[in-house]
Amino acid sequence: MAKHLRRLFLILIAICIPAGFFAEHDHAVFWWHHVPSLDAVFGFLGAFLFIGVIKIVGAFASREEGFYD
């Protein structure tokens, strides 16, 4: 199941980033909205950064197995 989800995730990323080059950017408010697919790349990198921070915090916040006994 995890292999299928990982494959689906990679396929969706492979579709989303090139799709940004074909999307209209008429209502762009900020300068980065004019750059094609920058939102997708930013979201992808932000998700990995978020996961990394959670793993680091989890390593410090975890307790030993018999801590509450």
PDB file of N, CA and C in Angstrom:
ATOM      1  N   MET A   1       0.821  -1.197   0.000  1.00  0.00           N
ATOM      2  CA  MET A   1       0.000   0.000   0.000  1.00  0.00           C
ATOM      3  C   MET A   1       0.864   1.261   0.000  1.00  0.00           C
ATOM      4  N   ALA A   2       1.941   1.245   0.789  1.00  0.00           N
ATOM      5  CA  ALA A   2       2.809   2.415   0.867  1.00  0.00           C
ATOM      6  C   ALA A   2       3.516   2.663  -0.457  1.00  0.00           C
ATOM      7  N   LYS A   3       3.872   1.585  -1.172  1.00  0.00           N
ATOM      8  CA  LYS A   3       4.501   1.756  -2.477  1.00  0.00           C
ATOM      9  C   LYS A   3       3.550   2.423  -3.465  1.00  0.00           C
ATOM     10  N   HIS A   4       2.286   2.039  -3.393  1.00  0.00           N
ATOM     11  CA  HIS A   4       1.292   2.620  -4.302  1.00  0.00           C
ATOM     12  C   HIS A   4       1.073   4.095  -4.001  1.00  0.00           C
ATOM     13  N   LEU A   5       1.023   4.445  -2.721  1.00  0.00           N
ATOM     14  CA  LEU A   5       0.829   5.844  -2.351  1.00  0.00           C
ATOM     15  C   LEU A   5       2.047   6.685  -2.736  1.00  0.00           C
ATOM     16  N   ARG A   6       3.229   6.151  -2.545  1.00  0.00           N
ATOM     17  CA  ARG A   6       4.445   6.876  -2.925  1.00  0.00           C
ATOM     18  C   ARG A   6       4.490   7.085  -4.438  1.00  0.00           C
ATOM     19  N   ARG A   7       4.133   6.050  -5.179  1.00  0.00           N
ATOM     20  CA  ARG A   7       4.110   6.156  -6.641  1.00  0.00           C
ATOM     21  C   ARG A   7       3.073   7.178  -7.095  1.00  0.00           C
ATOM     22  N   LEU A   8       1.893   7.153  -6.472  1.00  0.00           N
ATOM     23  CA  LEU A   8       0.848   8.120  -6.802  1.00  0.00           C
ATOM     24  C   LEU A   8       1.299   9.537  -6.483  1.00  0.00           C
ATOM     25  N   PHE A   9       1.966   9.711  -5.353  1.00  0.00           N
ATOM     26  CA  PHE A   9       2.478  11.025  -4.958  1.00  0.00           C
ATOM     27  C   PHE A   9       3.479  11.549  -5.976  1.00  0.00           C
ATOM     28  N   LEU A  10       4.403  10.704  -6.397  1.00  0.00           N
ATOM     29  CA  LEU A  10       5.407  11.125  -7.371  1.00  0.00           C
ATOM     30  C   LEU A  10       4.790  11.423  -8.734  1.00  0.00           C
ATOM     31  N   ILE A  11       3.773  10.659  -9.111  1.00  0.00           N
ATOM     32  CA  ILE A  11       3.082  10.936 -10.373  1.00  0.00           C
ATOM     33  C   ILE A  11       2.365  12.270 -10.309  1.00  0.00           C
ATOM     34  N   LEU A  12       1.708  12.553  -9.192  1.00  0.00           N
ATOM     35  CA  LEU A  12       1.004  13.831  -9.055  1.00  0.00           C
ATOM     36  C   LEU A  12       1.971  15.008  -9.062  1.00  0.00           C
ATOM     37  N   ILE A  13       3.128  14.854  -8.445  1.00  0.00           N
ATOM     38  CA  ILE A  13       4.137  15.914  -8.492  1.00  0.00           C
ATOM     39  C   ILE A  13       4.622  16.116  -9.914  1.00  0.00           C
ATOM     40  N   ALA A  14       4.841  15.004 -10.615  1.00  0.00           N
ATOM     41  CA  ALA A  14       5.313  15.088 -11.993  1.00  0.00           C
ATOM     42  C   ALA A  14       4.277  15.745 -12.901  1.00  0.00           C
ATOM     43  N   ILE A  15       3.015  15.676 -12.538  1.00  0.00           N
ATOM     44  CA  ILE A  15       1.966  16.325 -13.328  1.00  0.00           C
ATOM     45  C   ILE A  15       1.799  17.784 -12.922  1.00  0.00           C
ATOM     46  N   CYS A  16       1.869  18.082 -11.631  1.00  0.00           N
ATOM     47  CA  CYS A  16       1.588  19.440 -11.139  1.00  0.00           C
ATOM     48  C   CYS A  16       2.639  20.460 -11.555  1.00  0.00           C
ATOM     49  N   ILE A  17       3.882  20.109 -11.490  1.00  0.00           N
ATOM     50  CA  ILE A  17       4.922  21.097 -11.786  1.00  0.00           C
ATOM     51  C   ILE A  17       4.896  21.531 -13.248  1.00  0.00           C
ATOM     52  N   PRO A  18       4.834  20.621 -14.225  1.00  0.00           N
ATOM     53  CA  PRO A  18       4.728  21.106 -15.609  1.00  0.00           C
ATOM     54  C   PRO A  18       3.385  21.779 -15.908  1.00  0.00           C
ATOM     55  N   ALA A  19       2.338  21.408 -15.192  1.00  0.00           N
ATOM     56  CA  ALA A  19       1.032  22.023 -15.422  1.00  0.00           C
ATOM     57  C   ALA A  19       1.040  23.508 -15.077  1.00  0.00           C
ATOM     58  N   GLY A  20       1.924  23.920 -14.196  1.00  0.00           N
ATOM     59  CA  GLY A  20       2.031  25.326 -13.840  1.00  0.00           C
ATOM     60  C   GLY A  20       2.471  26.202 -14.997  1.00  0.00           C
ATOM     61  N   PHE A  21       3.151  25.632 -15.962  1.00  0.00           N
ATOM     62  CA  PHE A  21       3.583  26.402 -17.121  1.00  0.00           C
ATOM     63  C   PHE A  21       2.431  26.686 -18.078  1.00  0.00           C
ATOM     64  N   PHE A  22       1.354  25.915 -17.979  1.00  0.00           N
ATOM     65  CA  PHE A  22       0.215  26.093 -18.871  1.00  0.00           C
ATOM     66  C   PHE A  22      -0.928  26.865 -18.217  1.00  0.00           C
ATOM     67  N   ALA A  23      -0.825  27.142 -16.932  1.00  0.00           N
ATOM     68  CA  ALA A  23      -1.885  27.847 -16.201  1.00  0.00           C
ATOM     69  C   ALA A  23      -1.768  29.354 -16.426  1.00  0.00           C
ATOM     70  N   GLU A  24      -2.905  30.015 -16.404  1.00  0.00           N
ATOM     71  CA  GLU A  24      -2.931  31.469 -16.538  1.00  0.00           C
ATOM     72  C   GLU A  24      -2.544  32.116 -15.215  1.00  0.00           C
ATOM     73  N   HIS A  25      -1.802  33.191 -15.297  1.00  0.00           N
ATOM     74  CA  HIS A  25      -1.375  33.920 -14.108  1.00  0.00           C
ATOM     75  C   HIS A  25      -1.816  35.376 -14.216  1.00  0.00           C
ATOM     76  N   ASP A  26      -3.051  35.593 -14.637  1.00  0.00           N
ATOM     77  CA  ASP A  26      -3.546  36.955 -14.828  1.00  0.00           C
ATOM     78  C   ASP A  26      -3.762  37.693 -13.517  1.00  0.00           C
ATOM     79  N   HIS A  27      -4.203  36.996 -12.485  1.00  0.00           N
ATOM     80  CA  HIS A  27      -4.568  37.640 -11.228  1.00  0.00           C
ATOM     81  C   HIS A  27      -3.462  37.540 -10.191  1.00  0.00           C
ATOM     82  N   ALA A  28      -2.245  37.522 -10.631  1.00  0.00           N
ATOM     83  CA  ALA A  28      -1.117  37.409  -9.710  1.00  0.00           C
ATOM     84  C   ALA A  28      -0.968  38.705  -8.912  1.00  0.00           C
ATOM     85  N   VAL A  29      -0.883  38.560  -7.602  1.00  0.00           N
ATOM     86  CA  VAL A  29      -0.748  39.715  -6.720  1.00  0.00           C
ATOM     87  C   VAL A  29       0.716  39.942  -6.374  1.00  0.00           C
ATOM     88  N   PHE A  30       1.435  38.879  -6.080  1.00  0.00           N
ATOM     89  CA  PHE A  30       2.828  38.980  -5.672  1.00  0.00           C
ATOM     90  C   PHE A  30       3.738  38.551  -6.818  1.00  0.00           C
ATOM     91  N   TRP A  31       5.010  38.900  -6.739  1.00  0.00           N
ATOM     92  CA  TRP A  31       5.930  38.614  -7.835  1.00  0.00           C
ATOM     93  C   TRP A  31       6.116  37.125  -8.056  1.00  0.00           C
ATOM     94  N   TRP A  32       6.057  36.320  -6.983  1.00  0.00           N
ATOM     95  CA  TRP A  32       6.293  34.885  -7.136  1.00  0.00           C
ATOM     96  C   TRP A  32       5.122  34.169  -7.795  1.00  0.00           C
ATOM     97  N   HIS A  33       3.973  34.811  -7.883  1.00  0.00           N
ATOM     98  CA  HIS A  33       2.852  34.206  -8.596  1.00  0.00           C
ATOM     99  C   HIS A  33       3.049  34.277 -10.103  1.00  0.00           C
ATOM    100  N   HIS A  34       3.955  35.105 -10.555  1.00  0.00           N
ATOM    101  CA  HIS A  34       4.254  35.179 -11.987  1.00  0.00           C
ATOM    102  C   HIS A  34       5.223  34.088 -12.425  1.00  0.00           C
ATOM    103  N   VAL A  35       5.924  33.451 -11.486  1.00  0.00           N
ATOM    104  CA  VAL A  35       6.870  32.385 -11.804  1.00  0.00           C
ATOM    105  C   VAL A  35       6.094  31.075 -11.907  1.00  0.00           C
ATOM    106  N   PRO A  36       6.139  30.408 -13.054  1.00  0.00           N
ATOM    107  CA  PRO A  36       5.367  29.165 -13.219  1.00  0.00           C
ATOM    108  C   PRO A  36       5.818  28.078 -12.249  1.00  0.00           C
ATOM    109  N   SER A  37       4.873  27.425 -11.630  1.00  0.00           N
ATOM    110  CA  SER A  37       5.065  26.267 -10.745  1.00  0.00           C
ATOM    111  C   SER A  37       5.840  26.568  -9.474  1.00  0.00           C
ATOM    112  N   LEU A  38       6.078  27.825  -9.164  1.00  0.00           N
ATOM    113  CA  LEU A  38       6.807  28.130  -7.940  1.00  0.00           C
ATOM    114  C   LEU A  38       5.985  27.768  -6.710  1.00  0.00           C
ATOM    115  N   ASP A  39       4.668  27.921  -6.765  1.00  0.00           N
ATOM    116  CA  ASP A  39       3.819  27.543  -5.634  1.00  0.00           C
ATOM    117  C   ASP A  39       3.890  26.036  -5.364  1.00  0.00           C
ATOM    118  N   ALA A  40       3.911  25.231  -6.433  1.00  0.00           N
ATOM    119  CA  ALA A  40       3.994  23.773  -6.261  1.00  0.00           C
ATOM    120  C   ALA A  40       5.343  23.375  -5.667  1.00  0.00           C
ATOM    121  N   VAL A  41       6.410  23.969  -6.166  1.00  0.00           N
ATOM    122  CA  VAL A  41       7.743  23.650  -5.646  1.00  0.00           C
ATOM    123  C   VAL A  41       7.874  24.125  -4.205  1.00  0.00           C
ATOM    124  N   PHE A  42       7.370  25.307  -3.919  1.00  0.00           N
ATOM    125  CA  PHE A  42       7.418  25.840  -2.561  1.00  0.00           C
ATOM    126  C   PHE A  42       6.631  24.945  -1.600  1.00  0.00           C
ATOM    127  N   GLY A  43       5.462  24.494  -2.003  1.00  0.00           N
ATOM    128  CA  GLY A  43       4.668  23.598  -1.165  1.00  0.00           C
ATOM    129  C   GLY A  43       5.348  22.258  -0.947  1.00  0.00           C
ATOM    130  N   PHE A  44       5.965  21.733  -1.987  1.00  0.00           N
ATOM    131  CA  PHE A  44       6.683  20.464  -1.890  1.00  0.00           C
ATOM    132  C   PHE A  44       7.854  20.572  -0.916  1.00  0.00           C
ATOM    133  N   LEU A  45       8.651  21.612  -1.060  1.00  0.00           N
ATOM    134  CA  LEU A  45       9.787  21.804  -0.159  1.00  0.00           C
ATOM    135  C   LEU A  45       9.329  22.120   1.263  1.00  0.00           C
ATOM    136  N   GLY A  46       8.247  22.882   1.392  1.00  0.00           N
ATOM    137  CA  GLY A  46       7.709  23.189   2.716  1.00  0.00           C
ATOM    138  C   GLY A  46       7.209  21.949   3.433  1.00  0.00           C
ATOM    139  N   ALA A  47       6.608  21.026   2.681  1.00  0.00           N
ATOM    140  CA  ALA A  47       6.132  19.780   3.295  1.00  0.00           C
ATOM    141  C   ALA A  47       7.302  18.956   3.810  1.00  0.00           C
ATOM    142  N   PHE A  48       8.376  18.870   3.021  1.00  0.00           N
ATOM    143  CA  PHE A  48       9.546  18.124   3.482  1.00  0.00           C
ATOM    144  C   PHE A  48      10.206  18.800   4.671  1.00  0.00           C
ATOM    145  N   LEU A  49      10.256  20.105   4.675  1.00  0.00           N
ATOM    146  CA  LEU A  49      10.809  20.835   5.814  1.00  0.00           C
ATOM    147  C   LEU A  49       9.969  20.588   7.067  1.00  0.00           C
ATOM    148  N   PHE A  50       8.658  20.631   6.921  1.00  0.00           N
ATOM    149  CA  PHE A  50       7.742  20.389   8.038  1.00  0.00           C
ATOM    150  C   PHE A  50       7.926  18.977   8.591  1.00  0.00           C
ATOM    151  N   ILE A  51       8.034  17.996   7.719  1.00  0.00           N
ATOM    152  CA  ILE A  51       8.231  16.616   8.160  1.00  0.00           C
ATOM    153  C   ILE A  51       9.572  16.471   8.882  1.00  0.00           C
ATOM    154  N   GLY A  52      10.603  17.120   8.364  1.00  0.00           N
ATOM    155  CA  GLY A  52      11.914  17.067   9.017  1.00  0.00           C
ATOM    156  C   GLY A  52      11.894  17.679  10.401  1.00  0.00           C
ATOM    157  N   VAL A  53      11.231  18.816  10.547  1.00  0.00           N
ATOM    158  CA  VAL A  53      11.144  19.471  11.857  1.00  0.00           C
ATOM    159  C   VAL A  53      10.370  18.594  12.834  1.00  0.00           C
ATOM    160  N   ILE A  54       9.287  17.981  12.378  1.00  0.00           N
ATOM    161  CA  ILE A  54       8.489  17.107  13.245  1.00  0.00           C
ATOM    162  C   ILE A  54       9.316  15.901  13.701  1.00  0.00           C
ATOM    163  N   LYS A  55      10.132  15.342  12.819  1.00  0.00           N
ATOM    164  CA  LYS A  55      10.971  14.204  13.203  1.00  0.00           C
ATOM    165  C   LYS A  55      12.018  14.617  14.228  1.00  0.00           C
ATOM    166  N   ILE A  56      12.593  15.802  14.066  1.00  0.00           N
ATOM    167  CA  ILE A  56      13.583  16.280  15.032  1.00  0.00           C
ATOM    168  C   ILE A  56      12.930  16.528  16.387  1.00  0.00           C
ATOM    169  N   VAL A  57      11.774  17.175  16.395  1.00  0.00           N
ATOM    170  CA  VAL A  57      11.066  17.435  17.655  1.00  0.00           C
ATOM    171  C   VAL A  57      10.636  16.115  18.290  1.00  0.00           C
ATOM    172  N   GLY A  58      10.189  15.164  17.466  1.00  0.00           N
ATOM    173  CA  GLY A  58       9.782  13.861  17.985  1.00  0.00           C
ATOM    174  C   GLY A  58      10.932  13.112  18.631  1.00  0.00           C
ATOM    175  N   ALA A  59      12.132  13.295  18.104  1.00  0.00           N
ATOM    176  CA  ALA A  59      13.299  12.619  18.692  1.00  0.00           C
ATOM    177  C   ALA A  59      13.616  13.179  20.075  1.00  0.00           C
ATOM    178  N   PHE A  60      13.423  14.466  20.269  1.00  0.00           N
ATOM    179  CA  PHE A  60      13.696  15.075  21.574  1.00  0.00           C
ATOM    180  C   PHE A  60      12.536  14.896  22.553  1.00  0.00           C
ATOM    181  N   ALA A  61      11.316  14.817  22.044  1.00  0.00           N
ATOM    182  CA  ALA A  61      10.156  14.761  22.907  1.00  0.00           C
ATOM    183  C   ALA A  61       9.743  13.340  23.272  1.00  0.00           C
ATOM    184  N   SER A  62      10.345  12.330  22.676  1.00  0.00           N
ATOM    185  CA  SER A  62       9.936  10.958  22.959  1.00  0.00           C
ATOM    186  C   SER A  62      10.414  10.536  24.344  1.00  0.00           C
ATOM    187  N   ARG A  63       9.656   9.672  24.950  1.00  0.00           N
ATOM    188  CA  ARG A  63       9.975   9.166  26.291  1.00  0.00           C
ATOM    189  C   ARG A  63      10.384   7.708  26.204  1.00  0.00           C
ATOM    190  N   GLU A  64      11.086   7.247  27.214  1.00  0.00           N
ATOM    191  CA  GLU A  64      11.459   5.846  27.270  1.00  0.00           C
ATOM    192  C   GLU A  64      10.208   5.004  27.479  1.00  0.00           C
ATOM    193  N   GLU A  65      10.331   3.711  27.203  1.00  0.00           N
ATOM    194  CA  GLU A  65       9.153   2.830  27.214  1.00  0.00           C
ATOM    195  C   GLU A  65       8.493   2.769  28.584  1.00  0.00           C
ATOM    196  N   GLY A  66       9.226   2.695  29.662  1.00  0.00           N
ATOM    197  CA  GLY A  66       8.637   2.576  31.005  1.00  0.00           C
ATOM    198  C   GLY A  66       8.578   3.897  31.756  1.00  0.00           C
ATOM    199  N   PHE A  67       8.525   5.019  31.065  1.00  0.00           N
ATOM    200  CA  PHE A  67       8.600   6.323  31.691  1.00  0.00           C
ATOM    201  C   PHE A  67       7.436   6.589  32.631  1.00  0.00           C
ATOM    202  N   TYR A  68       6.220   6.198  32.246  1.00  0.00           N
ATOM    203  CA  TYR A  68       5.037   6.513  33.048  1.00  0.00           C
ATOM    204  C   TYR A  68       4.676   5.436  34.062  1.00  0.00           C
ATOM    205  N   ASP A  69       5.459   4.388  34.146  1.00  0.00           N
ATOM    206  CA  ASP A  69       5.155   3.307  35.118  1.00  0.00           C
ATOM    207  C   ASP A  69       5.610   3.644  36.497  1.00  0.00           C
TER     208      ASP A  69
END
